[in-house]
Amino acid sequence: MQLDVDGPAAPPRSNGELVFDAPWQARVFGLAAAFVQTRFEGDREPFRQRLIAAIATDPERPYWESWVVALEDLVARST
């Protein structure tokens, strides 16, 4: 899954590497990547749009928690 390097959907990075503060964050990243690959043939735009919306809805929410919200929304609307 290729990710934005800037903008509202860009994940936290350090020296170009993704930054996860807890194991669950890496897992939700992997789940989102696998779901996008399987359901959307790698087209990350549907997830990206939901992530941007999740961040806009609650800008104070921690970044990876917004990934959970976006993934839940994507899965719910895709089934």
N, C-alpha and C. Protein backbone atom coordinates (compact mmCIF):
# COMPACT_ATOMS: atom_id res chain seq x y z
N MET A 1 0.86 -1.17 0.00
CA MET A 1 0.00 0.00 0.00
C MET A 1 0.90 1.23 0.00
N GLN A 2 0.82 2.02 -1.05
CA GLN A 2 1.58 3.25 -1.12
C GLN A 2 0.82 4.33 -0.37
N LEU A 3 1.51 5.09 0.46
CA LEU A 3 0.87 6.06 1.33
C LEU A 3 1.24 7.48 0.95
N ASP A 4 0.34 8.40 1.29
CA ASP A 4 0.65 9.82 1.13
C ASP A 4 1.87 10.15 1.98
N VAL A 5 2.71 11.02 1.48
CA VAL A 5 3.87 11.45 2.26
C VAL A 5 3.62 12.79 2.92
N ASP A 6 2.55 13.48 2.50
CA ASP A 6 2.15 14.70 3.18
C ASP A 6 0.63 14.84 3.06
N GLY A 7 0.11 15.86 3.69
CA GLY A 7 -1.34 16.04 3.68
C GLY A 7 -2.00 15.37 4.87
N PRO A 8 -3.32 15.49 4.97
CA PRO A 8 -4.03 15.00 6.15
C PRO A 8 -4.00 13.49 6.33
N ALA A 9 -3.82 12.74 5.26
CA ALA A 9 -3.83 11.29 5.39
C ALA A 9 -2.44 10.69 5.56
N ALA A 10 -1.41 11.52 5.59
CA ALA A 10 -0.04 11.03 5.70
C ALA A 10 0.23 10.46 7.10
N PRO A 11 0.73 9.24 7.16
CA PRO A 11 1.02 8.64 8.47
C PRO A 11 2.27 9.25 9.09
N PRO A 12 2.40 9.12 10.41
CA PRO A 12 3.60 9.63 11.07
C PRO A 12 4.83 8.83 10.62
N ARG A 13 5.91 9.55 10.42
CA ARG A 13 7.16 8.94 9.98
C ARG A 13 8.33 9.50 10.75
N SER A 14 9.39 8.71 10.79
CA SER A 14 10.67 9.14 11.34
C SER A 14 11.74 8.62 10.40
N ASN A 15 12.52 9.51 9.82
CA ASN A 15 13.54 9.13 8.84
C ASN A 15 12.95 8.31 7.69
N GLY A 16 11.72 8.65 7.29
CA GLY A 16 11.07 7.98 6.18
C GLY A 16 10.35 6.69 6.53
N GLU A 17 10.52 6.22 7.76
CA GLU A 17 9.89 4.97 8.20
C GLU A 17 8.61 5.26 8.96
N LEU A 18 7.60 4.41 8.78
CA LEU A 18 6.36 4.55 9.54
C LEU A 18 6.64 4.43 11.03
N VAL A 19 5.89 5.20 11.82
CA VAL A 19 6.05 5.19 13.27
C VAL A 19 4.78 4.63 13.90
N PHE A 20 4.95 3.57 14.67
CA PHE A 20 3.86 2.97 15.43
C PHE A 20 4.24 3.04 16.90
N ASP A 21 3.32 3.54 17.73
CA ASP A 21 3.59 3.63 19.16
C ASP A 21 3.17 2.38 19.92
N ALA A 22 2.37 1.54 19.26
CA ALA A 22 1.88 0.32 19.90
C ALA A 22 1.65 -0.74 18.83
N PRO A 23 1.74 -2.02 19.19
CA PRO A 23 1.55 -3.09 18.21
C PRO A 23 0.21 -3.04 17.47
N TRP A 24 -0.85 -2.61 18.15
CA TRP A 24 -2.16 -2.59 17.49
C TRP A 24 -2.16 -1.63 16.31
N GLN A 25 -1.34 -0.59 16.35
CA GLN A 25 -1.29 0.38 15.25
C GLN A 25 -0.71 -0.28 13.99
N ALA A 26 0.31 -1.06 14.15
CA ALA A 26 0.87 -1.79 13.02
C ALA A 26 -0.14 -2.79 12.48
N ARG A 27 -0.90 -3.40 13.37
CA ARG A 27 -1.91 -4.38 12.94
C ARG A 27 -3.02 -3.72 12.14
N VAL A 28 -3.51 -2.57 12.60
CA VAL A 28 -4.58 -1.90 11.86
C VAL A 28 -4.06 -1.41 10.51
N PHE A 29 -2.80 -1.02 10.46
CA PHE A 29 -2.20 -0.66 9.18
C PHE A 29 -2.22 -1.87 8.24
N GLY A 30 -1.79 -3.01 8.75
CA GLY A 30 -1.77 -4.23 7.94
C GLY A 30 -3.15 -4.68 7.51
N LEU A 31 -4.12 -4.57 8.42
CA LEU A 31 -5.49 -4.93 8.07
C LEU A 31 -6.04 -4.03 6.96
N ALA A 32 -5.79 -2.74 7.08
CA ALA A 32 -6.26 -1.80 6.06
C ALA A 32 -5.59 -2.11 4.72
N ALA A 33 -4.30 -2.35 4.73
CA ALA A 33 -3.58 -2.65 3.49
C ALA A 33 -4.12 -3.93 2.85
N ALA A 34 -4.35 -4.95 3.65
CA ALA A 34 -4.87 -6.22 3.12
C ALA A 34 -6.28 -6.06 2.58
N PHE A 35 -7.11 -5.33 3.29
CA PHE A 35 -8.49 -5.13 2.84
C PHE A 35 -8.52 -4.35 1.53
N VAL A 36 -7.74 -3.29 1.44
CA VAL A 36 -7.68 -2.48 0.22
C VAL A 36 -7.19 -3.34 -0.95
N GLN A 37 -6.18 -4.14 -0.71
CA GLN A 37 -5.65 -4.99 -1.77
C GLN A 37 -6.68 -6.01 -2.23
N THR A 38 -7.36 -6.64 -1.29
CA THR A 38 -8.32 -7.68 -1.61
C THR A 38 -9.61 -7.13 -2.21
N ARG A 39 -10.17 -6.13 -1.58
CA ARG A 39 -11.51 -5.63 -1.98
C ARG A 39 -11.45 -4.62 -3.11
N PHE A 40 -10.39 -3.82 -3.17
CA PHE A 40 -10.30 -2.74 -4.15
C PHE A 40 -9.12 -2.89 -5.11
N GLU A 41 -8.56 -4.10 -5.17
CA GLU A 41 -7.44 -4.39 -6.07
C GLU A 41 -6.31 -3.38 -5.92
N GLY A 42 -6.07 -2.97 -4.68
CA GLY A 42 -4.96 -2.06 -4.39
C GLY A 42 -5.28 -0.59 -4.54
N ASP A 43 -6.49 -0.24 -4.98
CA ASP A 43 -6.86 1.17 -5.11
C ASP A 43 -7.10 1.72 -3.71
N ARG A 44 -6.17 2.51 -3.23
CA ARG A 44 -6.26 3.02 -1.86
C ARG A 44 -7.14 4.25 -1.71
N GLU A 45 -7.62 4.79 -2.81
CA GLU A 45 -8.39 6.04 -2.76
C GLU A 45 -9.65 5.95 -1.89
N PRO A 46 -10.44 4.85 -1.98
CA PRO A 46 -11.62 4.78 -1.09
C PRO A 46 -11.23 4.85 0.39
N PHE A 47 -10.16 4.17 0.77
CA PHE A 47 -9.70 4.24 2.17
C PHE A 47 -9.18 5.63 2.48
N ARG A 48 -8.39 6.19 1.60
CA ARG A 48 -7.81 7.52 1.81
C ARG A 48 -8.89 8.57 2.05
N GLN A 49 -9.95 8.53 1.25
CA GLN A 49 -11.03 9.49 1.42
C GLN A 49 -11.72 9.32 2.78
N ARG A 50 -11.90 8.09 3.21
CA ARG A 50 -12.52 7.86 4.53
C ARG A 50 -11.58 8.29 5.65
N LEU A 51 -10.29 8.10 5.47
CA LEU A 51 -9.32 8.53 6.48
C LEU A 51 -9.32 10.06 6.60
N ILE A 52 -9.32 10.74 5.48
CA ILE A 52 -9.37 12.21 5.51
C ILE A 52 -10.63 12.67 6.21
N ALA A 53 -11.77 12.03 5.91
CA ALA A 53 -13.04 12.39 6.56
C ALA A 53 -12.99 12.11 8.06
N ALA A 54 -12.40 10.98 8.45
CA ALA A 54 -12.30 10.64 9.87
C ALA A 54 -11.45 11.66 10.62
N ILE A 55 -10.37 12.08 10.02
CA ILE A 55 -9.50 13.08 10.64
C ILE A 55 -10.23 14.42 10.74
N ALA A 56 -10.94 14.79 9.68
CA ALA A 56 -11.67 16.07 9.67
C ALA A 56 -12.79 16.09 10.70
N THR A 57 -13.42 14.94 10.91
CA THR A 57 -14.52 14.85 11.87
C THR A 57 -14.04 15.08 13.30
N ASP A 58 -12.84 14.59 13.61
CA ASP A 58 -12.30 14.74 14.96
C ASP A 58 -10.79 14.95 14.88
N PRO A 59 -10.35 16.17 14.59
CA PRO A 59 -8.92 16.43 14.41
C PRO A 59 -8.06 16.14 15.65
N GLU A 60 -8.68 16.10 16.81
CA GLU A 60 -7.94 15.83 18.05
C GLU A 60 -7.74 14.33 18.29
N ARG A 61 -8.46 13.50 17.56
CA ARG A 61 -8.34 12.04 17.74
C ARG A 61 -6.94 11.62 17.29
N PRO A 62 -6.30 10.72 18.01
CA PRO A 62 -4.98 10.23 17.60
C PRO A 62 -5.04 9.63 16.19
N TYR A 63 -3.97 9.82 15.44
CA TYR A 63 -3.92 9.44 14.03
C TYR A 63 -4.34 8.00 13.79
N TRP A 64 -3.74 7.05 14.48
CA TRP A 64 -4.04 5.64 14.19
C TRP A 64 -5.45 5.27 14.60
N GLU A 65 -6.04 5.97 15.56
CA GLU A 65 -7.45 5.73 15.88
C GLU A 65 -8.34 6.17 14.72
N SER A 66 -7.92 7.20 14.00
CA SER A 66 -8.65 7.60 12.80
C SER A 66 -8.56 6.52 11.73
N TRP A 67 -7.45 5.80 11.68
CA TRP A 67 -7.34 4.67 10.75
C TRP A 67 -8.39 3.62 11.08
N VAL A 68 -8.58 3.36 12.36
CA VAL A 68 -9.59 2.37 12.77
C VAL A 68 -10.98 2.82 12.32
N VAL A 69 -11.31 4.08 12.56
CA VAL A 69 -12.61 4.62 12.15
C VAL A 69 -12.78 4.49 10.64
N ALA A 70 -11.76 4.88 9.90
CA ALA A 70 -11.83 4.81 8.43
C ALA A 70 -11.97 3.37 7.94
N LEU A 71 -11.23 2.46 8.53
CA LEU A 71 -11.30 1.06 8.13
C LEU A 71 -12.67 0.47 8.46
N GLU A 72 -13.19 0.76 9.64
CA GLU A 72 -14.52 0.27 10.01
C GLU A 72 -15.57 0.78 9.02
N ASP A 73 -15.49 2.05 8.67
CA ASP A 73 -16.45 2.62 7.73
C ASP A 73 -16.32 1.96 6.35
N LEU A 74 -15.10 1.77 5.90
CA LEU A 74 -14.87 1.16 4.59
C LEU A 74 -15.41 -0.26 4.55
N VAL A 75 -15.13 -1.03 5.58
CA VAL A 75 -15.60 -2.42 5.63
C VAL A 75 -17.13 -2.46 5.69
N ALA A 76 -17.72 -1.63 6.54
CA ALA A 76 -19.18 -1.63 6.69
C ALA A 76 -19.88 -1.27 5.39
N ARG A 77 -19.33 -0.35 4.65
CA ARG A 77 -19.98 0.11 3.40
C ARG A 77 -19.62 -0.77 2.21
N SER A 78 -18.68 -1.67 2.38
CA SER A 78 -18.23 -2.51 1.27
C SER A 78 -18.84 -3.90 1.29
N THR A 79 -19.56 -4.22 2.33
CA THR A 79 -20.11 -5.58 2.42
C THR A 79 -21.58 -5.61 2.13
